[in-house]
Amino acid sequence: MVLSEAVSNRIKTILKERNLTQYGLFKLSGVPQSTISAILKCENKSVVLSTIYDICSGLGMELSDFFAAKEFKLENLED
């Protein structure tokens, strides 16, 4: 999978685990809902790291925990 899909999948998993909506994530993180929607739909080929940082901060999680998911193992990623 490409990196944008991995980011999208990771956020979807977190939202499901925490029973959050895109709007709830926006309220916690301050990341515009349109940006969250674009990430989840893989409309951008890349996601700015500061956006992921804002999402993690809003969720009270470390970046290392976000990227520790199986989606980010090199063998699961492609260009």
C-alpha atoms as a PDB file:
ATOM      1  CA  MET A   1       0.000   0.000   0.000  1.00  0.00           C
ATOM      2  CA  VAL A   2       1.151   3.553  -0.540  1.00  0.00           C
ATOM      3  CA  LEU A   3       1.926   5.802   2.403  1.00  0.00           C
ATOM      4  CA  SER A   4      -1.226   7.928   2.040  1.00  0.00           C
ATOM      5  CA  GLU A   5      -3.336   4.752   2.309  1.00  0.00           C
ATOM      6  CA  ALA A   6      -1.405   3.697   5.401  1.00  0.00           C
ATOM      7  CA  VAL A   7      -2.068   7.060   7.067  1.00  0.00           C
ATOM      8  CA  SER A   8      -5.731   6.891   6.102  1.00  0.00           C
ATOM      9  CA  ASN A   9      -6.107   3.347   7.417  1.00  0.00           C
ATOM     10  CA  ARG A  10      -4.357   4.224  10.673  1.00  0.00           C
ATOM     11  CA  ILE A  11      -6.614   7.201  11.336  1.00  0.00           C
ATOM     12  CA  LYS A  12      -9.731   5.185  10.471  1.00  0.00           C
ATOM     13  CA  THR A  13      -8.629   2.484  12.930  1.00  0.00           C
ATOM     14  CA  ILE A  14      -8.049   5.037  15.684  1.00  0.00           C
ATOM     15  CA  LEU A  15     -11.412   6.708  15.049  1.00  0.00           C
ATOM     16  CA  LYS A  16     -13.157   3.338  15.243  1.00  0.00           C
ATOM     17  CA  GLU A  17     -11.278   2.304  18.411  1.00  0.00           C
ATOM     18  CA  ARG A  18     -12.152   5.576  20.114  1.00  0.00           C
ATOM     19  CA  ASN A  19     -15.668   5.788  18.707  1.00  0.00           C
ATOM     20  CA  LEU A  20     -14.894   9.173  17.153  1.00  0.00           C
ATOM     21  CA  THR A  21     -16.206  10.865  14.031  1.00  0.00           C
ATOM     22  CA  GLN A  22     -14.264  13.120  11.683  1.00  0.00           C
ATOM     23  CA  TYR A  23     -15.964  16.049  13.404  1.00  0.00           C
ATOM     24  CA  GLY A  24     -14.889  14.750  16.809  1.00  0.00           C
ATOM     25  CA  LEU A  25     -11.320  14.490  15.580  1.00  0.00           C
ATOM     26  CA  PHE A  26     -11.510  18.052  14.275  1.00  0.00           C
ATOM     27  CA  LYS A  27     -12.738  19.284  17.665  1.00  0.00           C
ATOM     28  CA  LEU A  28      -9.902  17.505  19.474  1.00  0.00           C
ATOM     29  CA  SER A  29      -7.082  18.296  17.065  1.00  0.00           C
ATOM     30  CA  GLY A  30      -8.011  21.562  15.380  1.00  0.00           C
ATOM     31  CA  VAL A  31      -7.251  19.992  11.983  1.00  0.00           C
ATOM     32  CA  PRO A  32      -9.977  21.195   9.593  1.00  0.00           C
ATOM     33  CA  GLN A  33     -12.615  18.584   8.875  1.00  0.00           C
ATOM     34  CA  SER A  34     -12.027  19.066   5.146  1.00  0.00           C
ATOM     35  CA  THR A  35      -8.371  18.096   5.649  1.00  0.00           C
ATOM     36  CA  ILE A  36      -9.318  15.045   7.698  1.00  0.00           C
ATOM     37  CA  SER A  37     -11.818  14.020   5.024  1.00  0.00           C
ATOM     38  CA  ALA A  38      -9.217  14.432   2.259  1.00  0.00           C
ATOM     39  CA  ILE A  39      -6.732  12.294   4.219  1.00  0.00           C
ATOM     40  CA  LEU A  40      -9.296   9.562   4.818  1.00  0.00           C
ATOM     41  CA  LYS A  41     -10.265   9.536   1.125  1.00  0.00           C
ATOM     42  CA  CYS A  42      -6.577   9.478   0.078  1.00  0.00           C
ATOM     43  CA  GLU A  43      -7.114  12.587  -2.030  1.00  0.00           C
ATOM     44  CA  ASN A  44      -3.577  13.775  -1.301  1.00  0.00           C
ATOM     45  CA  LYS A  45      -0.530  11.699  -2.194  1.00  0.00           C
ATOM     46  CA  SER A  46       1.226  12.959   0.911  1.00  0.00           C
ATOM     47  CA  VAL A  47       0.205  14.198   4.333  1.00  0.00           C
ATOM     48  CA  VAL A  48       2.144  16.938   6.082  1.00  0.00           C
ATOM     49  CA  LEU A  49       3.827  15.593   9.205  1.00  0.00           C
ATOM     50  CA  SER A  50       2.646  18.600  11.213  1.00  0.00           C
ATOM     51  CA  THR A  51      -0.950  17.559  10.447  1.00  0.00           C
ATOM     52  CA  ILE A  52      -0.292  14.084  11.813  1.00  0.00           C
ATOM     53  CA  TYR A  53       1.359  15.724  14.832  1.00  0.00           C
ATOM     54  CA  ASP A  54      -1.768  17.859  15.422  1.00  0.00           C
ATOM     55  CA  ILE A  55      -3.987  14.795  15.144  1.00  0.00           C
ATOM     56  CA  CYS A  56      -1.802  12.858  17.579  1.00  0.00           C
ATOM     57  CA  SER A  57      -1.691  15.770  20.013  1.00  0.00           C
ATOM     58  CA  GLY A  58      -5.471  16.061  19.934  1.00  0.00           C
ATOM     59  CA  LEU A  59      -5.804  12.350  20.591  1.00  0.00           C
ATOM     60  CA  GLY A  60      -3.205  12.424  23.371  1.00  0.00           C
ATOM     61  CA  MET A  61      -0.956   9.932  21.609  1.00  0.00           C
ATOM     62  CA  GLU A  62       2.700   9.896  20.699  1.00  0.00           C
ATOM     63  CA  LEU A  63       3.831  10.023  17.076  1.00  0.00           C
ATOM     64  CA  SER A  64       5.767   6.846  17.761  1.00  0.00           C
ATOM     65  CA  ASP A  65       2.518   5.096  18.721  1.00  0.00           C
ATOM     66  CA  PHE A  66       0.826   6.344  15.560  1.00  0.00           C
ATOM     67  CA  PHE A  67       3.623   5.032  13.351  1.00  0.00           C
ATOM     68  CA  ALA A  68       4.076   1.784  15.307  1.00  0.00           C
ATOM     69  CA  ALA A  69       1.120   0.250  13.448  1.00  0.00           C
ATOM     70  CA  LYS A  70       1.686  -2.604  10.992  1.00  0.00           C
ATOM     71  CA  GLU A  71       0.672  -0.332   8.098  1.00  0.00           C
ATOM     72  CA  PHE A  72       3.990   1.502   8.438  1.00  0.00           C
ATOM     73  CA  LYS A  73       6.297  -1.516   8.285  1.00  0.00           C
ATOM     74  CA  LEU A  74       8.494  -1.115   5.216  1.00  0.00           C
ATOM     75  CA  GLU A  75       7.427  -4.454   3.782  1.00  0.00           C
ATOM     76  CA  ASN A  76       3.829  -3.193   3.707  1.00  0.00           C
ATOM     77  CA  LEU A  77       4.636   0.064   1.864  1.00  0.00           C
ATOM     78  CA  GLU A  78       5.400   0.950  -1.713  1.00  0.00           C
ATOM     79  CA  ASP A  79       6.119   4.180  -3.594  1.00  0.00           C
END
